[in-house]
Protein backbone atom coordinates (compact mmCIF):
# COMPACT_ATOMS: atom_id res chain seq x y z
CA MET A 1 -17.91 22.54 27.34
CA THR A 2 -21.13 21.06 28.75
CA THR A 3 -22.36 17.68 27.98
CA ALA A 4 -25.37 16.72 29.61
CA TYR A 5 -25.61 12.62 30.16
CA LEU A 6 -29.39 11.34 30.55
CA THR A 7 -29.71 8.09 31.93
CA HIS A 8 -32.08 6.73 34.50
CA SER A 9 -31.67 4.12 36.76
CA ARG A 10 -35.24 2.75 36.06
CA PHE A 11 -34.00 1.23 32.37
CA ILE A 12 -32.74 -1.87 34.71
CA ASP A 13 -36.39 -3.12 35.14
CA HIS A 14 -36.54 -3.92 31.44
CA ASP A 15 -34.61 -7.64 31.24
CA PHE A 16 -34.77 -10.60 30.31
CA PRO A 17 -31.28 -12.36 31.81
CA GLN A 18 -31.26 -14.94 28.68
CA HIS A 19 -31.24 -12.34 26.26
CA PRO A 20 -28.84 -10.73 24.47
CA GLU A 21 -30.60 -7.11 24.71
CA HIS A 22 -30.32 -7.78 29.02
CA ALA A 23 -29.86 -4.96 31.68
CA GLY A 24 -26.46 -5.83 31.90
CA ARG A 25 -25.46 -4.00 29.29
CA ILE A 26 -26.73 -0.56 30.11
CA GLN A 27 -25.01 -1.23 33.94
CA ALA A 28 -21.59 -1.83 32.40
CA VAL A 29 -21.67 1.80 30.79
CA TRP A 30 -22.82 2.64 33.83
CA GLU A 31 -19.98 1.15 35.85
CA GLN A 32 -17.17 2.00 33.30
CA LEU A 33 -17.96 5.79 33.14
CA GLY A 34 -18.00 5.77 36.79
CA ALA A 35 -14.39 3.74 37.04
CA GLN A 36 -13.12 6.21 34.44
CA ASP A 37 -14.19 9.61 36.40
CA LEU A 38 -16.05 10.29 33.10
CA ALA A 39 -19.47 10.26 35.13
CA ASP A 40 -18.62 13.61 37.46
CA GLN A 41 -17.57 15.74 34.79
CA LEU A 42 -20.77 15.30 32.89
CA LEU A 43 -24.22 16.75 33.65
CA TYR A 44 -26.14 14.12 34.93
CA ILE A 45 -30.03 15.20 34.64
CA GLU A 46 -32.82 12.50 34.59
CA PRO A 47 -35.23 12.20 32.12
CA SER A 48 -38.95 12.51 32.42
CA GLN A 49 -41.36 9.96 30.24
CA ALA A 50 -42.10 11.30 26.81
CA THR A 51 -45.56 11.44 26.33
CA ASP A 52 -48.23 9.90 23.97
CA GLU A 53 -48.66 12.93 22.31
CA GLN A 54 -44.44 12.46 21.33
CA ILE A 55 -45.02 8.66 21.12
CA LEU A 56 -47.95 9.27 18.26
CA ALA A 57 -45.85 11.80 16.69
CA VAL A 58 -43.82 8.78 14.68
CA HIS A 59 -46.03 5.98 15.89
CA SER A 60 -49.30 4.61 14.90
CA LYS A 61 -52.12 4.42 17.80
CA THR A 62 -52.22 0.76 17.51
CA HIS A 63 -48.29 0.58 17.99
CA LEU A 64 -48.80 2.58 21.33
CA GLU A 65 -51.84 -0.04 22.56
CA ARG A 66 -50.27 -2.88 21.79
CA LEU A 67 -47.93 -2.07 24.33
CA THR A 68 -50.59 -0.58 26.85
CA GLU A 69 -52.29 -3.69 26.29
CA ILE A 70 -49.08 -5.79 27.02
CA SER A 71 -48.30 -3.60 30.30
CA HIS A 72 -52.05 -4.98 31.82
CA GLN A 73 -50.79 -8.47 31.64
CA GLU A 74 -48.83 -10.40 34.54
CA ARG A 75 -46.41 -12.29 31.87
CA ILE A 76 -43.35 -11.15 29.84
CA VAL A 77 -44.46 -11.27 25.82
CA ARG A 78 -42.95 -12.08 23.16
CA ILE A 79 -43.64 -9.41 20.22
CA ASP A 80 -41.36 -11.60 17.50
CA ALA A 81 -38.94 -14.08 18.06
CA ASP A 82 -36.48 -10.96 18.57
CA THR A 83 -38.19 -8.98 20.78
CA TYR A 84 -39.76 -9.01 24.56
CA ALA A 85 -41.73 -6.50 26.24
CA LEU A 86 -42.48 -7.43 30.57
CA PRO A 87 -45.51 -4.66 31.90
CA VAL A 88 -43.54 -2.56 33.01
CA SER A 89 -41.42 -2.15 29.64
CA LEU A 90 -43.63 0.76 28.26
CA GLU A 91 -42.70 2.80 31.31
CA ILE A 92 -38.92 2.12 30.75
CA ALA A 93 -39.33 2.45 26.84
CA ARG A 94 -40.83 6.03 27.88
CA LEU A 95 -38.22 6.88 29.90
CA ALA A 96 -36.07 6.10 26.82
CA ALA A 97 -37.71 7.70 24.15
CA GLY A 98 -38.34 10.72 26.98
CA ALA A 99 -34.49 11.19 27.99
CA VAL A 100 -33.07 11.78 23.77
CA THR A 101 -35.68 14.03 23.55
CA GLY A 102 -34.75 15.67 26.94
CA ALA A 103 -31.08 15.94 25.90
CA VAL A 104 -32.61 18.14 22.94
CA ASP A 105 -34.47 20.21 24.78
CA LEU A 106 -31.02 20.81 27.13
CA ILE A 107 -29.26 21.90 23.81
CA ALA A 108 -31.91 23.88 22.55
CA ALA A 109 -32.14 26.02 25.85
CA GLY A 110 -28.34 26.76 25.76
CA SER A 111 -28.09 24.44 29.07
CA ALA A 112 -25.94 22.30 27.49
CA ASP A 113 -23.73 21.91 24.50
CA ASN A 114 -24.06 18.22 23.14
CA ALA A 115 -25.38 14.84 24.56
CA LEU A 116 -25.61 11.42 25.17
CA ALA A 117 -28.58 9.42 25.85
CA ILE A 118 -27.42 6.14 27.65
CA VAL A 119 -30.71 4.05 27.08
CA ARG A 120 -32.56 1.24 26.83
CA PRO A 121 -34.70 -0.43 25.35
CA PRO A 122 -32.52 0.40 22.08
CA GLY A 123 -34.96 2.16 19.29
CA HIS A 124 -33.90 2.38 15.59
CA HIS A 125 -36.11 -0.94 14.64
CA ALA A 126 -39.47 0.64 15.76
CA THR A 127 -41.38 0.95 12.84
CA LYS A 128 -44.18 3.49 12.55
CA ASP A 129 -46.35 0.20 13.55
CA TRP A 130 -44.68 -2.30 14.95
CA GLN A 131 -41.73 -3.53 17.48
CA MET A 132 -39.27 -5.69 16.81
CA GLY A 133 -35.28 -5.90 16.72
CA PHE A 134 -35.57 -5.51 20.73
CA CYS A 135 -36.79 -2.02 19.95
CA LEU A 136 -40.20 -1.05 21.70
CA LEU A 137 -40.23 3.10 20.93
CA ASN A 138 -38.34 4.80 18.38
CA ASN A 139 -36.05 6.94 20.78
CA ILE A 140 -34.41 8.54 18.19
CA ALA A 141 -37.14 9.62 15.64
CA VAL A 142 -39.68 10.23 19.09
CA ALA A 143 -36.70 12.95 20.01
CA ALA A 144 -36.19 14.19 15.98
CA ARG A 145 -40.13 15.09 15.48
CA HIS A 146 -39.71 16.54 19.15
CA ALA A 147 -37.15 18.76 17.89
CA GLN A 148 -38.57 20.21 15.30
CA ALA A 149 -42.31 20.66 16.88
CA GLN A 150 -40.91 22.20 20.16
CA HIS A 151 -37.91 24.22 19.01
CA LYS A 152 -36.13 25.56 15.78
CA TYR A 153 -34.44 23.05 14.58
CA GLU A 154 -36.38 22.24 11.08
CA LYS A 155 -33.98 20.13 9.35
CA VAL A 156 -32.14 17.08 11.76
CA LEU A 157 -30.08 14.36 10.39
CA ILE A 158 -29.61 11.01 11.68
CA ILE A 159 -26.99 8.81 11.16
CA ASP A 160 -27.39 5.68 12.46
CA TYR A 161 -23.46 3.53 12.55
CA ASP A 162 -25.09 0.63 14.13
CA VAL A 163 -24.41 -3.03 12.50
CA HIS A 164 -28.16 -3.38 11.82
CA HIS A 165 -29.98 -1.32 9.38
CA GLY A 166 -32.12 1.52 11.30
CA ASN A 167 -35.32 0.05 9.47
CA GLY A 168 -37.65 1.68 11.97
CA THR A 169 -35.88 4.88 11.43
CA GLN A 170 -36.34 4.77 8.05
CA ASP A 171 -39.48 3.69 7.87
CA ILE A 172 -40.75 6.72 9.83
CA PHE A 173 -39.18 9.21 8.13
CA TYR A 174 -39.15 7.95 4.51
CA ALA A 175 -41.11 10.31 2.58
CA ASP A 176 -39.89 13.44 4.86
CA PRO A 177 -37.55 15.59 3.12
CA SER A 178 -36.78 17.60 6.74
CA VAL A 179 -35.09 14.66 8.66
CA MET A 180 -32.33 13.06 6.42
CA PHE A 181 -31.42 9.26 7.81
CA ILE A 182 -27.96 7.81 6.50
CA SER A 183 -27.12 4.40 7.53
CA ILE A 184 -23.99 2.62 7.38
CA HIS A 185 -24.47 -1.16 8.25
CA GLN A 186 -23.72 -4.77 7.38
CA SER A 187 -25.56 -6.83 5.07
CA PRO A 188 -26.46 -9.09 4.45
CA LEU A 189 -27.89 -8.84 8.01
CA TYR A 190 -30.71 -8.60 9.90
CA PRO A 191 -33.14 -6.75 9.19
CA GLY A 192 -32.77 -7.37 5.86
CA SER A 193 -33.61 -3.59 4.66
CA GLY A 194 -31.42 -1.00 3.76
CA ALA A 195 -30.53 -1.50 0.31
CA PHE A 196 -28.97 1.19 -1.92
CA ASN A 197 -32.21 1.98 -3.56
CA GLU A 198 -33.94 2.36 -0.87
CA THR A 199 -34.09 6.37 -0.89
CA GLY A 200 -36.77 7.71 0.10
CA GLU A 201 -40.19 8.12 -1.53
CA GLY A 202 -42.03 11.26 -2.69
CA ALA A 203 -40.99 14.69 -1.35
CA GLY A 204 -38.42 12.62 1.04
CA ARG A 205 -36.67 10.84 -2.24
CA GLY A 206 -33.40 11.03 -1.90
CA TYR A 207 -33.27 11.99 2.01
CA THR A 208 -32.31 8.09 2.84
CA ILE A 209 -29.21 7.25 2.62
CA ASN A 210 -28.02 3.08 3.11
CA VAL A 211 -24.49 2.23 2.79
CA PRO A 212 -24.53 -1.44 2.83
CA ILE A 213 -21.12 -3.59 3.18
CA PRO A 214 -20.43 -6.98 3.67
CA GLY A 215 -18.99 -8.26 6.84
CA GLY A 216 -15.25 -8.22 7.08
CA HIS A 217 -14.64 -4.26 6.34
CA GLY A 218 -12.88 -2.30 9.28
CA ASP A 219 -11.53 1.20 10.45
CA ALA A 220 -10.21 2.02 7.36
CA SER A 221 -13.16 1.81 5.22
CA TYR A 222 -15.96 3.54 7.43
CA GLU A 223 -13.31 6.16 7.22
CA ARG A 224 -13.83 6.25 3.86
CA ILE A 225 -17.55 6.00 3.30
CA PHE A 226 -17.64 9.28 6.38
CA ALA A 227 -15.35 11.04 3.64
CA ASP A 228 -16.66 9.82 0.63
CA VAL A 229 -20.45 9.71 1.27
CA LEU A 230 -21.66 10.84 4.70
CA GLY A 231 -19.40 13.96 4.75
CA PRO A 232 -20.73 15.38 1.63
CA ALA A 233 -24.54 14.47 1.55
CA ALA A 234 -24.35 16.10 5.37
CA MET A 235 -23.15 19.11 4.47
CA LYS A 236 -25.30 19.16 1.02
CA PHE A 237 -28.18 18.55 3.71
CA ALA A 238 -26.91 21.41 6.47
CA PRO A 239 -28.93 20.11 9.14
CA ASP A 240 -29.81 22.05 11.95
CA LEU A 241 -29.32 19.34 14.40
CA MET A 242 -27.60 15.80 14.34
CA LEU A 243 -28.59 12.64 16.20
CA ILE A 244 -26.08 9.62 16.07
CA SER A 245 -27.69 6.24 16.57
CA ALA A 246 -24.77 4.51 17.73
CA GLY A 247 -24.10 1.00 18.06
CA PHE A 248 -21.06 -0.68 19.03
CA ASP A 249 -21.67 -4.33 17.20
CA ALA A 250 -20.00 -3.49 14.46
CA HIS A 251 -16.48 -3.69 16.27
CA TRP A 252 -14.55 -6.75 15.55
CA VAL A 253 -15.48 -8.73 19.03
CA ASP A 254 -19.33 -8.19 18.83
CA PRO A 255 -21.03 -11.83 18.97
CA LEU A 256 -23.88 -10.78 16.88
CA ALA A 257 -22.42 -9.60 13.41
CA SER A 258 -18.57 -9.68 11.73
CA MET A 259 -17.20 -6.51 11.19
CA GLN A 260 -14.32 -5.40 12.16
CA LEU A 261 -14.53 -1.63 13.59
CA SER A 262 -11.97 -1.54 16.49
CA LEU A 263 -12.62 1.39 19.60
CA ALA A 264 -10.00 3.37 17.81
CA GLY A 265 -12.02 3.59 15.05
CA TYR A 266 -15.34 4.02 16.73
CA ASP A 267 -13.69 6.99 18.03
CA GLN A 268 -12.95 8.21 15.06
CA LEU A 269 -16.57 8.16 13.82
CA ALA A 270 -17.65 9.77 17.00
CA ARG A 271 -15.33 12.57 16.62
CA GLU A 272 -15.90 12.65 12.83
CA CYS A 273 -19.51 13.75 13.47
CA LEU A 274 -18.59 16.11 16.35
CA ARG A 275 -16.90 17.71 14.15
CA MET A 276 -19.21 17.97 11.39
CA ALA A 277 -21.87 19.27 13.57
CA GLU A 278 -19.75 21.72 14.86
CA GLN A 279 -18.74 22.96 11.42
CA LEU A 280 -23.28 22.78 10.28
CA CYS A 281 -24.96 23.37 13.32
CA GLY A 282 -22.87 24.89 16.24
CA GLY A 283 -21.92 21.38 17.57
CA SER A 284 -26.18 20.57 18.43
CA ILE A 285 -25.34 16.80 18.49
CA VAL A 286 -26.82 13.98 20.79
CA PHE A 287 -25.33 10.23 20.86
CA VAL A 288 -28.16 7.29 21.78
CA MET A 289 -26.98 4.51 22.73
CA GLU A 290 -28.32 1.37 20.46
CA GLY A 291 -26.90 -1.79 20.04
CA GLY A 292 -23.61 -3.54 21.18
CA TYR A 293 -23.50 -6.90 22.44
CA ASP A 294 -19.47 -7.70 23.56
CA LEU A 295 -20.23 -5.38 27.48
CA LYS A 296 -16.54 -4.29 27.78
CA ALA A 297 -16.35 -2.80 23.52
CA LEU A 298 -20.14 -1.23 24.68
CA SER A 299 -18.91 0.32 27.86
CA HIS A 300 -15.29 1.27 26.66
CA GLY A 301 -16.62 3.20 23.58
CA TRP A 302 -19.38 5.06 25.67
CA CYS A 303 -16.34 6.32 27.56
CA ASN A 304 -14.80 7.03 24.49
CA ILE A 305 -17.88 9.23 23.52
CA ALA A 306 -18.18 11.00 26.41
CA ARG A 307 -14.62 12.17 26.37
CA ALA A 308 -14.97 12.98 22.38
CA LEU A 309 -18.08 15.53 23.72
CA LEU A 310 -15.98 16.81 26.28
CA GLY A 311 -13.13 17.63 24.49
CA ILE A 312 -10.47 15.02 25.96
CA GLU A 313 -8.11 13.84 23.83
CA ALA A 314 -7.78 10.16 25.49
CA LEU A 315 -9.01 6.50 24.21
CA SER A 316 -10.00 3.62 26.41
CA ASP A 317 -9.36 0.39 24.37
CA PRO A 318 -8.81 -3.12 25.86
CA TYR A 319 -8.90 -4.80 22.77
CA GLY A 320 -6.72 -3.13 20.27
CA PRO A 321 -7.28 -3.48 16.51
CA ALA A 322 -8.76 -6.20 14.50
CA SER A 323 -6.09 -8.49 13.11
CA ASN A 324 -7.46 -7.07 9.35
CA SER A 325 -8.37 -3.25 9.54
CA ALA A 326 -6.86 -2.25 6.05
CA GLN A 327 -9.36 -0.56 3.16
CA ARG A 328 -11.03 -3.35 1.11
CA ALA A 329 -11.09 -3.51 -2.57
CA ASP A 330 -14.59 -4.16 -2.21
CA LEU A 331 -15.27 -0.67 -1.16
CA TYR A 332 -14.12 1.25 -4.23
CA PRO A 333 -17.56 0.23 -6.00
CA ILE A 334 -19.89 0.70 -3.04
CA ILE A 335 -18.75 4.25 -1.94
CA GLU A 336 -19.29 4.56 -6.24
CA HIS A 337 -22.75 3.58 -6.44
CA ALA A 338 -23.89 5.40 -3.32
CA ARG A 339 -22.36 8.67 -4.73
CA ARG A 340 -23.39 8.10 -7.94
CA ILE A 341 -27.12 7.31 -6.65
CA HIS A 342 -26.62 10.77 -4.63
CA LYS A 343 -25.09 12.77 -6.87
CA LEU A 344 -22.45 13.44 -4.38
């Protein structure tokens, strides 16, 4: 089993130390992968920058021009209350998107069986026209469209289990039946989107599946949602490629949300995604780093994903389970509502 590992030393150059999305996040992941002797078992590939053509396949010209204008300034720019950019940030965002597209290229060429892209800034909040939610370019969307344009992948499944709704990914593919987007996220929470009735439009109606759940749900609830909603939807769609927006901010220690996932629960999610990929698309799957703001949970979580992709049965969990991770009674109507809407 060959697992490609795409990251770049320059990802720390996009940094605002007082911000939750700072360079220390990715440094913690790098350090833990090394400390657990996992980095040497992965096929490291240094990514190239995404091109204008790749970016403009999912983002508007205005979106790219805004970042280009910031690159010509000599100061940090607050694009909105949450999102910052430096003169160097466009280069770094191009590398992040390029890492995910590069991962797709390696799998398509048969040089790797699967891949993880340890990148920043994250991407799933970046819409067609706007940077937001710490995100500058939508890394996973750029890679999905690249996979379709340059390779044999006609149908791409994007699963997003970051605690925040991936509104940008949804926006980009909302009318597209060739990309299924499934998001499990805390609601209410930033950015306020991702309701059950957001199912796509036009030819894309039914290809966006949102499962919003209130804070407090943990391992058992996520496992049930995967079994009863996500799994059947994936089987029905039958993708050629799976891309995973993996955020560790649904962990019970994360400071920005209030879900109750443990690292063991996260490991179950990753291994279930891998099992589905092996069943549906020959194991073609890329895990992409999104959120996660407790550095220990984030770094150990990515080590667990690396082990899953390498076929290693082991778990790294310095925190243990949440105090209450039992399946809650309010989950049943949520699952039934999602199944009814999407005829699962």
